[in-house]
C-alpha atoms as a PDB file:
ATOM      1  CA  MET A   1     -11.303 -31.548 -21.094  1.00  0.00           C
ATOM      2  CA  PRO A   2     -13.791 -31.861 -24.018  1.00  0.00           C
ATOM      3  CA  SER A   3     -13.022 -29.891 -27.196  1.00  0.00           C
ATOM      4  CA  GLY A   4     -16.213 -27.896 -26.739  1.00  0.00           C
ATOM      5  CA  ALA A   5     -15.336 -26.885 -23.180  1.00  0.00           C
ATOM      6  CA  GLY A   6     -15.569 -23.299 -22.040  1.00  0.00           C
ATOM      7  CA  VAL A   7     -12.854 -20.844 -21.035  1.00  0.00           C
ATOM      8  CA  LEU A   8     -12.267 -19.021 -17.773  1.00  0.00           C
ATOM      9  CA  TYR A   9     -11.251 -15.480 -18.677  1.00  0.00           C
ATOM     10  CA  VAL A  10      -9.186 -13.655 -16.060  1.00  0.00           C
ATOM     11  CA  VAL A  11     -10.294 -10.074 -16.683  1.00  0.00           C
ATOM     12  CA  ALA A  12      -8.525  -6.961 -15.391  1.00  0.00           C
ATOM     13  CA  THR A  13     -10.853  -4.180 -14.232  1.00  0.00           C
ATOM     14  CA  PRO A  14     -10.346  -0.400 -13.815  1.00  0.00           C
ATOM     15  CA  ILE A  15      -8.331   0.697 -10.783  1.00  0.00           C
ATOM     16  CA  GLY A  16     -10.216   3.986 -10.546  1.00  0.00           C
ATOM     17  CA  ASN A  17     -11.454   5.620 -13.713  1.00  0.00           C
ATOM     18  CA  LEU A  18     -14.318   3.469 -15.018  1.00  0.00           C
ATOM     19  CA  ALA A  19     -13.514   4.468 -18.602  1.00  0.00           C
ATOM     20  CA  ASP A  20     -10.192   2.561 -18.416  1.00  0.00           C
ATOM     21  CA  TRP A  21     -11.701  -0.624 -19.777  1.00  0.00           C
ATOM     22  CA  SER A  22     -11.287  -2.212 -23.181  1.00  0.00           C
ATOM     23  CA  ALA A  23     -14.180  -2.983 -25.504  1.00  0.00           C
ATOM     24  CA  ARG A  24     -13.046  -6.625 -25.477  1.00  0.00           C
ATOM     25  CA  ALA A  25     -13.314  -6.838 -21.676  1.00  0.00           C
ATOM     26  CA  VAL A  26     -16.870  -5.510 -21.751  1.00  0.00           C
ATOM     27  CA  SER A  27     -17.780  -7.861 -24.617  1.00  0.00           C
ATOM     28  CA  VAL A  28     -16.377 -10.939 -22.869  1.00  0.00           C
ATOM     29  CA  LEU A  29     -18.188 -10.165 -19.622  1.00  0.00           C
ATOM     30  CA  ARG A  30     -21.482  -9.611 -21.434  1.00  0.00           C
ATOM     31  CA  ALA A  31     -21.137 -12.946 -23.219  1.00  0.00           C
ATOM     32  CA  ALA A  32     -19.999 -14.971 -20.200  1.00  0.00           C
ATOM     33  CA  HIS A  33     -22.312 -17.422 -18.456  1.00  0.00           C
ATOM     34  CA  THR A  34     -21.241 -16.162 -15.010  1.00  0.00           C
ATOM     35  CA  VAL A  35     -18.876 -13.534 -13.629  1.00  0.00           C
ATOM     36  CA  TYR A  36     -17.052 -14.367 -10.394  1.00  0.00           C
ATOM     37  CA  ALA A  37     -15.966 -11.457  -8.206  1.00  0.00           C
ATOM     38  CA  GLU A  38     -14.394 -10.914  -4.798  1.00  0.00           C
ATOM     39  CA  ASP A  39     -17.019  -8.380  -3.676  1.00  0.00           C
ATOM     40  CA  THR A  40     -20.254  -8.713  -5.646  1.00  0.00           C
ATOM     41  CA  ARG A  41     -21.682  -5.432  -4.349  1.00  0.00           C
ATOM     42  CA  HIS A  42     -18.634  -3.481  -5.472  1.00  0.00           C
ATOM     43  CA  SER A  43     -18.426  -5.286  -8.814  1.00  0.00           C
ATOM     44  CA  GLN A  44     -22.152  -4.905  -9.523  1.00  0.00           C
ATOM     45  CA  THR A  45     -21.645  -1.128  -9.661  1.00  0.00           C
ATOM     46  CA  LEU A  46     -18.954  -1.583 -12.309  1.00  0.00           C
ATOM     47  CA  LEU A  47     -21.072  -4.010 -14.348  1.00  0.00           C
ATOM     48  CA  ASN A  48     -24.097  -1.709 -14.158  1.00  0.00           C
ATOM     49  CA  HIS A  49     -22.013   1.217 -15.385  1.00  0.00           C
ATOM     50  CA  HIS A  50     -21.195  -0.741 -18.551  1.00  0.00           C
ATOM     51  CA  ASP A  51     -24.663  -2.282 -18.883  1.00  0.00           C
ATOM     52  CA  ILE A  52     -23.376  -5.801 -18.250  1.00  0.00           C
ATOM     53  CA  ARG A  53     -26.245  -8.024 -17.057  1.00  0.00           C
ATOM     54  CA  THR A  54     -24.331 -11.282 -16.621  1.00  0.00           C
ATOM     55  CA  PRO A  55     -25.064 -13.143 -13.356  1.00  0.00           C
ATOM     56  CA  LEU A  56     -22.547 -12.365 -10.633  1.00  0.00           C
ATOM     57  CA  ARG A  57     -21.226 -14.852  -8.076  1.00  0.00           C
ATOM     58  CA  SER A  58     -18.823 -14.352  -5.184  1.00  0.00           C
ATOM     59  CA  LEU A  59     -15.329 -15.824  -5.155  1.00  0.00           C
ATOM     60  CA  HIS A  60     -13.124 -14.771  -2.261  1.00  0.00           C
ATOM     61  CA  GLU A  61     -10.442 -16.230  -0.006  1.00  0.00           C
ATOM     62  CA  HIS A  62     -12.995 -18.007   2.187  1.00  0.00           C
ATOM     63  CA  ASN A  63     -14.869 -19.885  -0.579  1.00  0.00           C
ATOM     64  CA  GLU A  64     -12.282 -20.093  -3.365  1.00  0.00           C
ATOM     65  CA  GLN A  65     -11.501 -23.783  -2.886  1.00  0.00           C
ATOM     66  CA  GLN A  66     -15.183 -24.709  -2.676  1.00  0.00           C
ATOM     67  CA  ARG A  67     -15.933 -22.989  -5.998  1.00  0.00           C
ATOM     68  CA  VAL A  68     -13.543 -25.215  -7.993  1.00  0.00           C
ATOM     69  CA  SER A  69     -15.976 -28.074  -8.697  1.00  0.00           C
ATOM     70  CA  GLU A  70     -18.691 -25.599  -9.676  1.00  0.00           C
ATOM     71  CA  LEU A  71     -16.488 -23.898 -12.236  1.00  0.00           C
ATOM     72  CA  VAL A  72     -15.136 -27.179 -13.616  1.00  0.00           C
ATOM     73  CA  GLU A  73     -18.679 -28.425 -14.205  1.00  0.00           C
ATOM     74  CA  LEU A  74     -19.740 -25.220 -15.978  1.00  0.00           C
ATOM     75  CA  LEU A  75     -16.602 -25.212 -18.146  1.00  0.00           C
ATOM     76  CA  GLN A  76     -17.139 -28.874 -19.074  1.00  0.00           C
ATOM     77  CA  GLN A  77     -20.662 -27.961 -20.151  1.00  0.00           C
ATOM     78  CA  GLY A  78     -19.186 -25.458 -22.602  1.00  0.00           C
ATOM     79  CA  HIS A  79     -19.863 -22.253 -20.697  1.00  0.00           C
ATOM     80  CA  ASP A  80     -17.398 -19.370 -20.764  1.00  0.00           C
ATOM     81  CA  LEU A  81     -16.780 -17.788 -17.364  1.00  0.00           C
ATOM     82  CA  ALA A  82     -15.014 -14.664 -16.127  1.00  0.00           C
ATOM     83  CA  LEU A  83     -13.022 -13.865 -12.993  1.00  0.00           C
ATOM     84  CA  ILE A  84     -12.604 -10.249 -11.899  1.00  0.00           C
ATOM     85  CA  SER A  85     -11.241  -8.535  -8.786  1.00  0.00           C
ATOM     86  CA  ASP A  86     -12.423  -5.395  -7.026  1.00  0.00           C
ATOM     87  CA  ALA A  87      -9.893  -3.387  -9.048  1.00  0.00           C
ATOM     88  CA  GLY A  88      -6.979  -4.183 -11.330  1.00  0.00           C
ATOM     89  CA  THR A  89      -5.683  -7.569 -12.430  1.00  0.00           C
ATOM     90  CA  PRO A  90      -7.045 -10.628 -10.580  1.00  0.00           C
ATOM     91  CA  LEU A  91      -4.588 -12.720  -8.516  1.00  0.00           C
ATOM     92  CA  ILE A  92      -2.227  -9.743  -8.020  1.00  0.00           C
ATOM     93  CA  SER A  93      -2.573  -9.417  -4.217  1.00  0.00           C
ATOM     94  CA  ASP A  94      -6.110 -10.745  -4.671  1.00  0.00           C
ATOM     95  CA  PRO A  95      -7.782 -14.182  -4.489  1.00  0.00           C
ATOM     96  CA  GLY A  96      -7.775 -16.531  -7.475  1.00  0.00           C
ATOM     97  CA  PHE A  97      -4.434 -18.327  -7.367  1.00  0.00           C
ATOM     98  CA  LYS A  98      -5.863 -21.528  -5.829  1.00  0.00           C
ATOM     99  CA  LEU A  99      -8.723 -21.563  -8.312  1.00  0.00           C
ATOM    100  CA  VAL A 100      -6.574 -21.029 -11.398  1.00  0.00           C
ATOM    101  CA  ARG A 101      -4.048 -23.651 -10.302  1.00  0.00           C
ATOM    102  CA  ALA A 102      -6.814 -26.191  -9.644  1.00  0.00           C
ATOM    103  CA  LEU A 103      -8.519 -25.535 -12.982  1.00  0.00           C
ATOM    104  CA  ARG A 104      -5.280 -25.833 -14.938  1.00  0.00           C
ATOM    105  CA  ALA A 105      -4.486 -29.079 -13.128  1.00  0.00           C
ATOM    106  CA  GLN A 106      -7.790 -30.472 -14.397  1.00  0.00           C
ATOM    107  CA  GLY A 107      -7.090 -29.430 -17.984  1.00  0.00           C
ATOM    108  CA  CYS A 108      -9.366 -26.394 -18.044  1.00  0.00           C
ATOM    109  CA  ARG A 109      -8.415 -23.504 -20.284  1.00  0.00           C
ATOM    110  CA  VAL A 110      -7.647 -20.230 -18.490  1.00  0.00           C
ATOM    111  CA  SER A 111      -7.040 -17.140 -20.618  1.00  0.00           C
ATOM    112  CA  PRO A 112      -5.912 -13.638 -19.584  1.00  0.00           C
ATOM    113  CA  LEU A 113      -7.715 -10.520 -20.677  1.00  0.00           C
ATOM    114  CA  PRO A 114      -5.098  -7.888 -19.763  1.00  0.00           C
ATOM    115  CA  GLY A 115      -5.731  -4.395 -18.552  1.00  0.00           C
ATOM    116  CA  PRO A 116      -5.179  -2.106 -15.554  1.00  0.00           C
ATOM    117  CA  CYS A 117      -2.713  -3.060 -12.818  1.00  0.00           C
ATOM    118  CA  ALA A 118      -1.838  -0.571 -10.090  1.00  0.00           C
ATOM    119  CA  LEU A 119       1.788  -1.616  -9.669  1.00  0.00           C
ATOM    120  CA  ILE A 120       2.550  -1.313 -13.401  1.00  0.00           C
ATOM    121  CA  ALA A 121       0.678   1.985 -13.701  1.00  0.00           C
ATOM    122  CA  ALA A 122       2.627   3.383 -10.742  1.00  0.00           C
ATOM    123  CA  LEU A 123       6.014   2.199 -12.017  1.00  0.00           C
ATOM    124  CA  SER A 124       5.393   3.694 -15.455  1.00  0.00           C
ATOM    125  CA  CYS A 125       5.266   7.197 -13.961  1.00  0.00           C
ATOM    126  CA  ALA A 126       7.600   6.929 -10.970  1.00  0.00           C
ATOM    127  CA  GLY A 127      10.918   7.708 -12.608  1.00  0.00           C
ATOM    128  CA  LEU A 128      12.640   4.847 -10.779  1.00  0.00           C
ATOM    129  CA  PRO A 129      14.503   2.026 -12.575  1.00  0.00           C
ATOM    130  CA  THR A 130      12.043  -0.405 -14.159  1.00  0.00           C
ATOM    131  CA  ASP A 131      14.385  -2.789 -15.966  1.00  0.00           C
ATOM    132  CA  ARG A 132      14.234  -4.988 -12.862  1.00  0.00           C
ATOM    133  CA  PHE A 133      11.848  -4.692  -9.941  1.00  0.00           C
ATOM    134  CA  SER A 134      10.479  -6.807  -7.092  1.00  0.00           C
ATOM    135  CA  PHE A 135       6.768  -6.674  -6.267  1.00  0.00           C
ATOM    136  CA  GLU A 136       6.337  -7.472  -2.573  1.00  0.00           C
ATOM    137  CA  GLY A 137       2.569  -6.966  -2.276  1.00  0.00           C
ATOM    138  CA  PHE A 138       1.406  -5.866   1.177  1.00  0.00           C
ATOM    139  CA  LEU A 139       3.947  -5.834   3.976  1.00  0.00           C
ATOM    140  CA  PRO A 140       2.883  -7.575   7.226  1.00  0.00           C
ATOM    141  CA  ALA A 141       0.524  -5.527   9.369  1.00  0.00           C
ATOM    142  CA  LYS A 142       2.418  -6.190  12.609  1.00  0.00           C
ATOM    143  CA  ALA A 143       5.495  -4.034  13.146  1.00  0.00           C
ATOM    144  CA  GLY A 144       7.872  -6.846  14.060  1.00  0.00           C
ATOM    145  CA  ALA A 145       7.045  -8.971  11.033  1.00  0.00           C
ATOM    146  CA  ARG A 146       7.108  -5.923   8.769  1.00  0.00           C
ATOM    147  CA  ARG A 147      10.566  -4.909   9.907  1.00  0.00           C
ATOM    148  CA  GLU A 148      11.800  -8.481   9.509  1.00  0.00           C
ATOM    149  CA  ARG A 149      10.556  -8.577   5.912  1.00  0.00           C
ATOM    150  CA  LEU A 150      12.227  -5.248   5.157  1.00  0.00           C
ATOM    151  CA  GLN A 151      15.485  -6.483   6.664  1.00  0.00           C
ATOM    152  CA  ALA A 152      15.472  -9.350   4.162  1.00  0.00           C
ATOM    153  CA  LEU A 153      15.269  -6.804   1.328  1.00  0.00           C
ATOM    154  CA  VAL A 154      18.114  -4.507   2.408  1.00  0.00           C
ATOM    155  CA  ALA A 155      20.596  -5.807  -0.181  1.00  0.00           C
ATOM    156  CA  ASP A 156      18.118  -6.238  -3.061  1.00  0.00           C
ATOM    157  CA  PRO A 157      19.322  -4.016  -5.948  1.00  0.00           C
ATOM    158  CA  ARG A 158      15.948  -4.037  -7.714  1.00  0.00           C
ATOM    159  CA  THR A 159      13.297  -1.338  -7.345  1.00  0.00           C
ATOM    160  CA  LEU A 160      10.981  -2.474  -4.535  1.00  0.00           C
ATOM    161  CA  VAL A 161       7.230  -2.126  -4.995  1.00  0.00           C
ATOM    162  CA  PHE A 162       4.657  -2.435  -2.214  1.00  0.00           C
ATOM    163  CA  TYR A 163       0.937  -1.988  -1.793  1.00  0.00           C
ATOM    164  CA  GLU A 164       0.038  -0.429   1.542  1.00  0.00           C
ATOM    165  CA  ALA A 165      -3.104   0.362   3.511  1.00  0.00           C
ATOM    166  CA  PRO A 166      -3.598   4.094   4.177  1.00  0.00           C
ATOM    167  CA  HIS A 167      -3.774   3.678   7.958  1.00  0.00           C
ATOM    168  CA  ARG A 168      -0.342   2.006   7.960  1.00  0.00           C
ATOM    169  CA  ILE A 169       1.514   4.067   5.371  1.00  0.00           C
ATOM    170  CA  LEU A 170       3.208   6.419   7.851  1.00  0.00           C
ATOM    171  CA  GLU A 171       4.503   3.565  10.037  1.00  0.00           C
ATOM    172  CA  THR A 172       5.691   1.734   6.921  1.00  0.00           C
ATOM    173  CA  LEU A 173       7.587   4.763   5.615  1.00  0.00           C
ATOM    174  CA  GLN A 174       9.274   5.212   8.977  1.00  0.00           C
ATOM    175  CA  ASP A 175      10.243   1.527   9.129  1.00  0.00           C
ATOM    176  CA  CYS A 176      11.561   1.671   5.555  1.00  0.00           C
ATOM    177  CA  ALA A 177      13.697   4.694   6.396  1.00  0.00           C
ATOM    178  CA  ASP A 178      15.063   3.011   9.518  1.00  0.00           C
ATOM    179  CA  ILE A 179      15.900  -0.309   7.863  1.00  0.00           C
ATOM    180  CA  LEU A 180      16.474   0.317   4.139  1.00  0.00           C
ATOM    181  CA  GLY A 181      18.137   3.693   4.645  1.00  0.00           C
ATOM    182  CA  ALA A 182      16.834   7.205   5.226  1.00  0.00           C
ATOM    183  CA  GLU A 183      18.335   8.514   1.956  1.00  0.00           C
ATOM    184  CA  ARG A 184      16.836   5.894  -0.346  1.00  0.00           C
ATOM    185  CA  ASP A 185      14.890   7.490  -3.204  1.00  0.00           C
ATOM    186  CA  ALA A 186      11.203   6.605  -3.138  1.00  0.00           C
ATOM    187  CA  VAL A 187       7.902   7.467  -4.802  1.00  0.00           C
ATOM    188  CA  LEU A 188       4.463   7.227  -3.247  1.00  0.00           C
ATOM    189  CA  ALA A 189       1.617   6.894  -5.773  1.00  0.00           C
ATOM    190  CA  ARG A 190      -1.900   7.386  -4.436  1.00  0.00           C
ATOM    191  CA  GLU A 191      -5.416   7.134  -5.913  1.00  0.00           C
ATOM    192  CA  LEU A 192      -4.154   6.278  -9.404  1.00  0.00           C
ATOM    193  CA  THR A 193      -6.468   7.361 -12.271  1.00  0.00           C
ATOM    194  CA  LYS A 194      -8.868   8.968  -9.773  1.00  0.00           C
ATOM    195  CA  THR A 195      -9.674  12.627  -9.148  1.00  0.00           C
ATOM    196  CA  PHE A 196      -7.095  13.071  -6.391  1.00  0.00           C
ATOM    197  CA  GLU A 197      -4.261  11.121  -8.014  1.00  0.00           C
ATOM    198  CA  THR A 198      -0.939  12.041  -6.378  1.00  0.00           C
ATOM    199  CA  PHE A 199       2.725  11.198  -6.913  1.00  0.00           C
ATOM    200  CA  LEU A 200       5.145  12.201  -4.154  1.00  0.00           C
ATOM    201  CA  ASP A 201       8.871  11.680  -4.569  1.00  0.00           C
ATOM    202  CA  GLY A 202      11.897  12.200  -2.352  1.00  0.00           C
ATOM    203  CA  THR A 203      13.994  10.283   0.121  1.00  0.00           C
ATOM    204  CA  LEU A 204      12.215   7.963   2.519  1.00  0.00           C
ATOM    205  CA  THR A 205      12.744  10.465   5.321  1.00  0.00           C
ATOM    206  CA  GLU A 206      11.299  13.282   3.219  1.00  0.00           C
ATOM    207  CA  LEU A 207       8.266  11.207   2.230  1.00  0.00           C
ATOM    208  CA  ALA A 208       7.604  10.218   5.833  1.00  0.00           C
ATOM    209  CA  ALA A 209       7.653  13.894   6.859  1.00  0.00           C
ATOM    210  CA  ARG A 210       5.341  14.953   4.013  1.00  0.00           C
ATOM    211  CA  VAL A 211       2.840  12.189   4.740  1.00  0.00           C
ATOM    212  CA  ALA A 212       2.922  12.961   8.469  1.00  0.00           C
ATOM    213  CA  ALA A 213       2.172  16.608   7.733  1.00  0.00           C
ATOM    214  CA  ASP A 214      -0.748  15.967   5.371  1.00  0.00           C
ATOM    215  CA  ASP A 215      -3.634  13.707   6.401  1.00  0.00           C
ATOM    216  CA  ASN A 216      -4.821  13.562   2.790  1.00  0.00           C
ATOM    217  CA  GLN A 217      -1.730  11.505   1.945  1.00  0.00           C
ATOM    218  CA  GLN A 218      -2.928   8.903   4.430  1.00  0.00           C
ATOM    219  CA  ARG A 219      -6.091   8.135   2.469  1.00  0.00           C
ATOM    220  CA  GLY A 220      -6.951   5.996  -0.550  1.00  0.00           C
ATOM    221  CA  GLU A 221      -5.165   3.261  -2.471  1.00  0.00           C
ATOM    222  CA  ILE A 222      -1.368   3.462  -2.213  1.00  0.00           C
ATOM    223  CA  VAL A 223       1.607   2.065  -4.134  1.00  0.00           C
ATOM    224  CA  LEU A 224       5.022   2.660  -2.556  1.00  0.00           C
ATOM    225  CA  MET A 225       8.144   2.298  -4.714  1.00  0.00           C
ATOM    226  CA  ILE A 226      11.683   2.403  -3.320  1.00  0.00           C
ATOM    227  CA  SER A 227      14.994   2.399  -5.186  1.00  0.00           C
ATOM    228  CA  GLY A 228      17.072  -0.747  -4.817  1.00  0.00           C
ATOM    229  CA  ALA A 229      20.301  -1.107  -2.906  1.00  0.00           C
ATOM    230  CA  THR A 230      23.433   0.216  -4.550  1.00  0.00           C
ATOM    231  CA  VAL A 231      26.065  -2.475  -5.024  1.00  0.00           C
ATOM    232  CA  SER A 232      29.156  -0.531  -4.093  1.00  0.00           C
ATOM    233  CA  ASP A 233      31.903  -2.703  -5.566  1.00  0.00           C
ATOM    234  CA  GLU A 234      32.850  -6.114  -6.866  1.00  0.00           C
ATOM    235  CA  SER A 235      33.916  -7.380  -3.457  1.00  0.00           C
ATOM    236  CA  ALA A 236      30.454  -6.692  -2.054  1.00  0.00           C
ATOM    237  CA  ASP A 237      28.955  -8.636  -4.966  1.00  0.00           C
ATOM    238  CA  ALA A 238      31.297 -11.549  -4.344  1.00  0.00           C
ATOM    239  CA  GLY A 239      30.477 -11.647  -0.640  1.00  0.00           C
ATOM    240  CA  GLU A 240      26.732 -11.751  -1.256  1.00  0.00           C
ATOM    241  CA  ALA A 241      27.161 -14.412  -3.945  1.00  0.00           C
ATOM    242  CA  GLU A 242      29.259 -16.603  -1.668  1.00  0.00           C
ATOM    243  CA  ARG A 243      26.811 -16.292   1.238  1.00  0.00           C
ATOM    244  CA  VAL A 244      23.835 -17.466  -0.821  1.00  0.00           C
ATOM    245  CA  LEU A 245      25.670 -20.133  -2.784  1.00  0.00           C
ATOM    246  CA  GLN A 246      27.084 -21.689   0.379  1.00  0.00           C
ATOM    247  CA  LEU A 247      23.493 -22.486   1.361  1.00  0.00           C
ATOM    248  CA  LEU A 248      22.372 -23.722  -2.052  1.00  0.00           C
ATOM    249  CA  LEU A 249      25.245 -25.695  -3.558  1.00  0.00           C
ATOM    250  CA  PRO A 250      25.236 -28.592  -1.071  1.00  0.00           C
ATOM    251  CA  GLU A 251      21.564 -29.235  -1.842  1.00  0.00           C
ATOM    252  CA  LEU A 252      21.181 -28.449  -5.552  1.00  0.00           C
ATOM    253  CA  ALA A 253      22.768 -28.924  -8.943  1.00  0.00           C
ATOM    254  CA  LEU A 254      25.065 -26.063  -9.912  1.00  0.00           C
ATOM    255  CA  SER A 255      22.800 -24.612 -12.611  1.00  0.00           C
ATOM    256  CA  ARG A 256      19.767 -24.700 -10.320  1.00  0.00           C
ATOM    257  CA  ALA A 257      21.695 -23.121  -7.445  1.00  0.00           C
ATOM    258  CA  VAL A 258      22.862 -20.305  -9.722  1.00  0.00           C
ATOM    259  CA  ALA A 259      19.354 -19.678 -11.031  1.00  0.00           C
ATOM    260  CA  ILE A 260      17.896 -19.421  -7.512  1.00  0.00           C
ATOM    261  CA  ALA A 261      20.797 -17.263  -6.308  1.00  0.00           C
ATOM    262  CA  GLU A 262      20.175 -14.898  -9.223  1.00  0.00           C
ATOM    263  CA  GLN A 263      16.538 -14.533  -8.190  1.00  0.00           C
ATOM    264  CA  LEU A 264      17.392 -14.007  -4.535  1.00  0.00           C
ATOM    265  CA  THR A 265      20.224 -11.521  -4.935  1.00  0.00           C
ATOM    266  CA  GLY A 266      19.624  -9.814  -8.257  1.00  0.00           C
ATOM    267  CA  LEU A 267      23.336 -10.244  -8.990  1.00  0.00           C
ATOM    268  CA  PRO A 268      24.556 -10.951 -12.553  1.00  0.00           C
ATOM    269  CA  HIS A 269      24.337 -14.549 -13.783  1.00  0.00           C
ATOM    270  CA  LYS A 270      27.943 -14.475 -14.997  1.00  0.00           C
ATOM    271  CA  LEU A 271      29.304 -13.483 -11.579  1.00  0.00           C
ATOM    272  CA  LEU A 272      27.198 -16.087  -9.776  1.00  0.00           C
ATOM    273  CA  TYR A 273      28.100 -18.906 -12.174  1.00  0.00           C
ATOM    274  CA  LYS A 274      31.833 -18.144 -11.936  1.00  0.00           C
ATOM    275  CA  LYS A 275      31.638 -18.075  -8.145  1.00  0.00           C
ATOM    276  CA  ALA A 276      29.521 -21.251  -7.955  1.00  0.00           C
ATOM    277  CA  LEU A 277      31.890 -23.159 -10.247  1.00  0.00           C
ATOM    278  CA  ALA A 278      34.877 -22.190  -8.132  1.00  0.00           C
ATOM    279  CA  MET A 279      33.097 -23.158  -4.934  1.00  0.00           C
ATOM    280  CA  LYS A 280      31.886 -26.479  -6.409  1.00  0.00           C
ATOM    281  CA  ASN A 281      35.399 -27.391  -7.542  1.00  0.00           C
ATOM    282  CA  ALA A 282      36.704 -26.622  -4.059  1.00  0.00           C
ATOM    283  CA  LEU A 283      34.285 -29.031  -2.383  1.00  0.00           C
ATOM    284  CA  PRO A 284      35.783 -32.348  -1.245  1.00  0.00           C
ATOM    285  CA  ASP A 285      34.999 -35.382  -3.401  1.00  0.00           C
END
């Protein structure tokens, strides 16, 4: 990529309150050659509010791959570009991953311009553990696939974070209670930074009942956060470690198997490494 090449700025946008935008974000968008957005009609309202007159082009899941050559050419010509989503940080449950990967592969510079992100905003006020969490995005729309995904998360000790559509939130809460456990602590954050911002907390069963009783809680943008599984004792840890490592060790080097097992289970590195070493030594030569 030439030294005078442009930069693609990945720019976070407000998730509700239009004032939640940095002066730098506005300045970069005003100076950019083109702004790419998932929904140009929605984004034009935001740009107009901040008197940003930069040309706006669509970039969504159906044309993302086709836009790559266009952006590469503009960047090579020295133009700075910007990528925004409808709300929040681009690529977080939004299009852009394929584009950014393709541009980086071709040596283009991609730079983040940080700002609002619904999952981080929700976690910061939820009162659930935040030292480790797992962002799962949107659960599958179909009940069977949704319940299967939840089943895979039953033993995860990290705080679980989901985005959910308002018309599915009640079914999701009921499935979570059935599969993860009715007494799991959870927080439902809705319409963050907007006029009707709401945080509801309680067990999954309690949240399901409150949402069922109030149609207003089945509207708007929703983040659902659920406490992780409680690891009851060391023997439970050892059993989970052995189950995962039995699958990984025959295929991978010990250090790589331990690293992946740590990501999958959330169990301590020390416990997993000790278990993996013992299992490796026990394998036949």
